[in-house]
Amino acid sequence: MIREWTEDGQLWVQSVSSTPATRLDVINLQEKLDQQLQQRQARETGICPVREELYSQCMDELIRQVTINCAERGLLLLRVRDEMRMSIAAYQTLYESSVAFGMRKALMTEQGKGEMESHIGQMEGSVKDLERQVQEWKLKCEAIEKREAERRESEAKKHKEEVAYLENYARQLKGQLETFVTPAKKGAGAAAAAGGQPVLQAA
């Protein structure tokens, strides 16, 4: 297998060596891995693309070394490696999907919150308007009650004055009636004393 790439304007060609790896090659691979991790400032914990890339390259080299000595073992390791990569890719897709879902829910929540705040503002405005109307109706009711009380007081006063006027007028009529009736009684008494016969006078 030959791999070609261009770096700094130069073409690089890499071919797979068929020489079996020794214990010294494994030690050198480990030292080179540690060196690359330090040079590229890979993080020791958490998600780090640099560390993932270096360990992936190291795994490929180990599979190559194993495959030279035993092709079946190398193919099995290759299968395991591919399965692990597919699992990681599936977890990454699931993570991205969950993040997108969380963002959508957060946006929907913010939108719903804004709509709810707007609705609350409208309801508060309606409550203030209704309170203002209630206050206006209270003032109107108080004004109507005051006018009605004044009207009743005025009518009661007028009625009292009318009653007093009628009573006074009745007393006057009674006095006049007594004035007309009393002389007639006196004249009738005098006639009876004189002749025993009432004196008839022409009207």
Protein backbone atom coordinates (compact mmCIF):
# COMPACT_ATOMS: atom_id res chain seq x y z
CA MET A 1 0.00 0.00 0.00
CA ILE A 2 1.39 3.37 -1.05
CA ARG A 3 0.24 6.72 0.37
CA GLU A 4 1.09 10.02 -1.27
CA TRP A 5 0.63 13.56 0.03
CA THR A 6 2.01 17.05 -0.50
CA GLU A 7 3.54 19.06 2.32
CA ASP A 8 5.33 22.42 2.00
CA GLY A 9 5.33 22.05 -1.78
CA GLN A 10 7.00 18.63 -1.68
CA LEU A 11 5.49 15.32 -2.67
CA TRP A 12 5.84 12.60 -0.07
CA VAL A 13 5.38 8.90 -0.80
CA GLN A 14 4.95 6.33 1.94
CA SER A 15 4.88 2.60 1.37
CA VAL A 16 4.11 -0.24 3.77
CA SER A 17 7.14 -2.13 4.93
CA SER A 18 6.92 -5.91 4.93
CA THR A 19 9.71 -6.32 7.48
CA PRO A 20 8.48 -7.89 10.73
CA ALA A 21 8.55 -5.50 13.67
CA THR A 22 10.83 -6.11 16.60
CA ARG A 23 10.50 -5.22 20.26
CA LEU A 24 12.69 -2.18 19.61
CA ASP A 25 10.29 -0.99 16.89
CA VAL A 26 7.40 -1.10 19.37
CA ILE A 27 9.42 0.86 21.93
CA ASN A 28 10.33 3.44 19.28
CA LEU A 29 6.67 3.69 18.26
CA GLN A 30 5.68 4.36 21.86
CA GLU A 31 8.38 7.01 22.27
CA LYS A 32 7.37 8.66 19.01
CA LEU A 33 3.72 8.67 20.11
CA ASP A 34 4.61 10.37 23.42
CA GLN A 35 6.80 12.85 21.55
CA GLN A 36 4.06 13.75 19.09
CA LEU A 37 1.51 14.12 21.89
CA GLN A 38 3.80 16.57 23.64
CA GLN A 39 4.81 18.51 20.53
CA ARG A 40 1.24 18.93 19.27
CA GLN A 41 0.05 19.79 22.80
CA ALA A 42 -2.62 17.15 22.91
CA ARG A 43 -4.88 17.25 25.96
CA GLU A 44 -4.56 14.35 28.37
CA THR A 45 -8.25 14.19 29.25
CA GLY A 46 -11.52 15.01 27.59
CA ILE A 47 -12.21 15.17 23.87
CA CYS A 48 -9.12 16.08 21.88
CA PRO A 49 -8.98 15.67 18.05
CA VAL A 50 -5.15 15.76 18.09
CA ARG A 51 -4.86 12.93 20.62
CA GLU A 52 -7.51 10.95 18.75
CA GLU A 53 -5.64 11.31 15.46
CA LEU A 54 -2.27 10.27 16.95
CA TYR A 55 -3.70 7.23 18.72
CA SER A 56 -5.51 6.25 15.53
CA GLN A 57 -2.23 6.38 13.61
CA CYS A 58 -0.54 4.37 16.34
CA MET A 59 -3.31 1.75 16.15
CA ASP A 60 -2.89 1.50 12.38
CA GLU A 61 0.85 0.95 12.80
CA LEU A 62 0.29 -1.77 15.40
CA ILE A 63 -2.22 -3.49 13.11
CA ARG A 64 0.37 -3.32 10.31
CA GLN A 65 3.03 -4.87 12.50
CA VAL A 66 0.67 -7.63 13.66
CA THR A 67 -0.57 -8.30 10.13
CA ILE A 68 2.99 -8.94 8.86
CA ASN A 69 3.45 -11.70 11.43
CA CYS A 70 -0.12 -13.07 11.24
CA ALA A 71 -2.51 -11.89 8.54
CA GLU A 72 -5.59 -13.39 10.24
CA ARG A 73 -4.85 -11.64 13.54
CA GLY A 74 -4.26 -8.39 11.68
CA LEU A 75 -7.56 -8.68 9.79
CA LEU A 76 -9.40 -9.34 13.05
CA LEU A 77 -7.78 -6.30 14.66
CA LEU A 78 -8.73 -4.28 11.59
CA ARG A 79 -12.32 -5.43 11.97
CA VAL A 80 -12.34 -4.48 15.64
CA ARG A 81 -10.84 -1.08 14.81
CA ASP A 82 -13.49 -0.38 12.15
CA GLU A 83 -16.27 -1.42 14.55
CA MET A 84 -14.91 0.92 17.21
CA ARG A 85 -14.75 3.77 14.71
CA MET A 86 -18.34 3.14 13.61
CA SER A 87 -19.48 3.09 17.24
CA ILE A 88 -17.66 6.35 17.95
CA ALA A 89 -19.16 7.90 14.81
CA ALA A 90 -22.63 6.75 15.90
CA TYR A 91 -22.12 8.24 19.36
CA GLN A 92 -20.89 11.47 17.77
CA THR A 93 -23.93 11.63 15.50
CA LEU A 94 -26.19 10.95 18.48
CA TYR A 95 -24.43 13.66 20.46
CA GLU A 96 -24.77 16.20 17.65
CA SER A 97 -28.42 15.26 17.23
CA SER A 98 -29.06 15.66 20.95
CA VAL A 99 -27.28 19.02 20.96
CA ALA A 100 -29.36 20.18 18.00
CA PHE A 101 -32.51 18.92 19.73
CA GLY A 102 -31.53 20.76 22.91
CA MET A 103 -30.91 23.95 20.97
CA ARG A 104 -34.29 23.69 19.24
CA LYS A 105 -35.99 23.11 22.57
CA ALA A 106 -34.10 26.06 24.08
CA LEU A 107 -35.14 28.30 21.17
CA MET A 108 -38.73 27.11 21.46
CA THR A 109 -38.62 27.78 25.18
CA GLU A 110 -37.25 31.27 24.61
CA GLN A 111 -39.87 31.93 21.95
CA GLY A 112 -42.60 30.58 24.21
CA LYS A 113 -41.23 32.67 27.05
CA GLY A 114 -41.36 35.78 24.89
CA GLU A 115 -44.90 35.03 23.81
CA MET A 116 -45.92 34.35 27.40
CA GLU A 117 -44.32 37.59 28.57
CA SER A 118 -46.16 39.44 25.80
CA HIS A 119 -49.41 37.76 26.82
CA ILE A 120 -48.78 38.66 30.47
CA GLY A 121 -48.15 42.26 29.43
CA GLN A 122 -51.41 42.34 27.50
CA MET A 123 -53.30 40.82 30.44
CA GLU A 124 -51.77 43.33 32.84
CA GLY A 125 -52.80 46.13 30.48
CA SER A 126 -56.34 44.71 30.35
CA VAL A 127 -56.43 44.49 34.15
CA LYS A 128 -55.34 48.12 34.48
CA ASP A 129 -57.95 49.18 31.93
CA LEU A 130 -60.65 47.25 33.79
CA GLU A 131 -59.53 48.76 37.10
CA ARG A 132 -59.76 52.21 35.52
CA GLN A 133 -63.27 51.43 34.26
CA VAL A 134 -64.27 50.15 37.71
CA GLN A 135 -62.99 53.37 39.26
CA GLU A 136 -64.92 55.43 36.72
CA TRP A 137 -68.12 53.48 37.40
CA LYS A 138 -67.60 53.92 41.13
CA LEU A 139 -67.30 57.67 40.68
CA LYS A 140 -70.41 57.67 38.48
CA CYS A 141 -72.34 55.62 41.06
CA GLU A 142 -71.27 57.98 43.83
CA ALA A 143 -72.33 60.99 41.73
CA ILE A 144 -75.70 59.37 40.95
CA GLU A 145 -76.25 58.47 44.61
CA LYS A 146 -75.37 62.02 45.63
CA ARG A 147 -77.77 63.51 43.07
CA GLU A 148 -80.48 61.05 44.11
CA ALA A 149 -79.98 61.92 47.79
CA GLU A 150 -80.17 65.62 46.97
CA ARG A 151 -83.30 65.01 44.89
CA ARG A 152 -84.95 63.03 47.67
CA GLU A 153 -84.00 65.70 50.18
CA SER A 154 -85.38 68.40 47.90
CA GLU A 155 -88.61 66.47 47.34
CA ALA A 156 -88.96 65.79 51.07
CA LYS A 157 -88.45 69.48 51.79
CA LYS A 158 -90.94 70.44 49.07
CA HIS A 159 -93.43 67.90 50.37
CA LYS A 160 -93.01 69.20 53.89
CA GLU A 161 -93.55 72.76 52.68
CA GLU A 162 -96.67 71.68 50.76
CA VAL A 163 -98.03 69.87 53.81
CA ALA A 164 -97.35 72.92 55.96
CA TYR A 165 -99.02 75.15 53.38
CA LEU A 166 -102.07 72.87 53.16
CA GLU A 167 -102.32 72.65 56.94
CA ASN A 168 -102.10 76.43 57.19
CA TYR A 169 -104.64 76.80 54.41
CA ALA A 170 -106.95 74.32 56.16
CA ARG A 171 -106.64 76.29 59.39
CA GLN A 172 -107.50 79.48 57.53
CA LEU A 173 -110.55 77.86 55.91
CA LYS A 174 -111.62 76.47 59.25
CA GLY A 175 -111.28 79.91 60.84
CA GLN A 176 -113.31 81.52 58.06
CA LEU A 177 -115.95 78.79 58.35
CA GLU A 178 -116.19 79.33 62.08
CA THR A 179 -116.48 83.07 61.49
CA PHE A 180 -119.45 82.55 59.14
CA VAL A 181 -121.16 79.99 61.32
CA THR A 182 -120.86 81.76 64.71
CA PRO A 183 -122.88 84.97 63.85
CA ALA A 184 -125.70 82.93 62.40
CA LYS A 185 -125.98 80.97 65.61
CA LYS A 186 -126.04 84.19 67.66
CA GLY A 187 -128.82 85.72 65.48
CA ALA A 188 -130.98 82.62 65.76
CA GLY A 189 -130.66 82.65 69.52
CA ALA A 190 -131.73 86.28 69.81
CA ALA A 191 -134.86 85.75 67.67
CA ALA A 192 -136.00 82.83 69.73
CA ALA A 193 -135.66 84.85 72.87
CA ALA A 194 -137.81 87.72 71.48
CA GLY A 195 -140.84 85.99 70.00
CA GLY A 196 -140.22 82.43 70.15
CA GLN A 197 -140.28 82.42 66.34
CA PRO A 198 -137.19 82.54 64.14
CA VAL A 199 -136.92 85.60 62.01
CA LEU A 200 -136.62 84.72 58.30
CA GLN A 201 -134.57 87.12 56.26
CA ALA A 202 -134.34 87.22 52.57
CA ALA A 203 -131.00 86.45 51.19
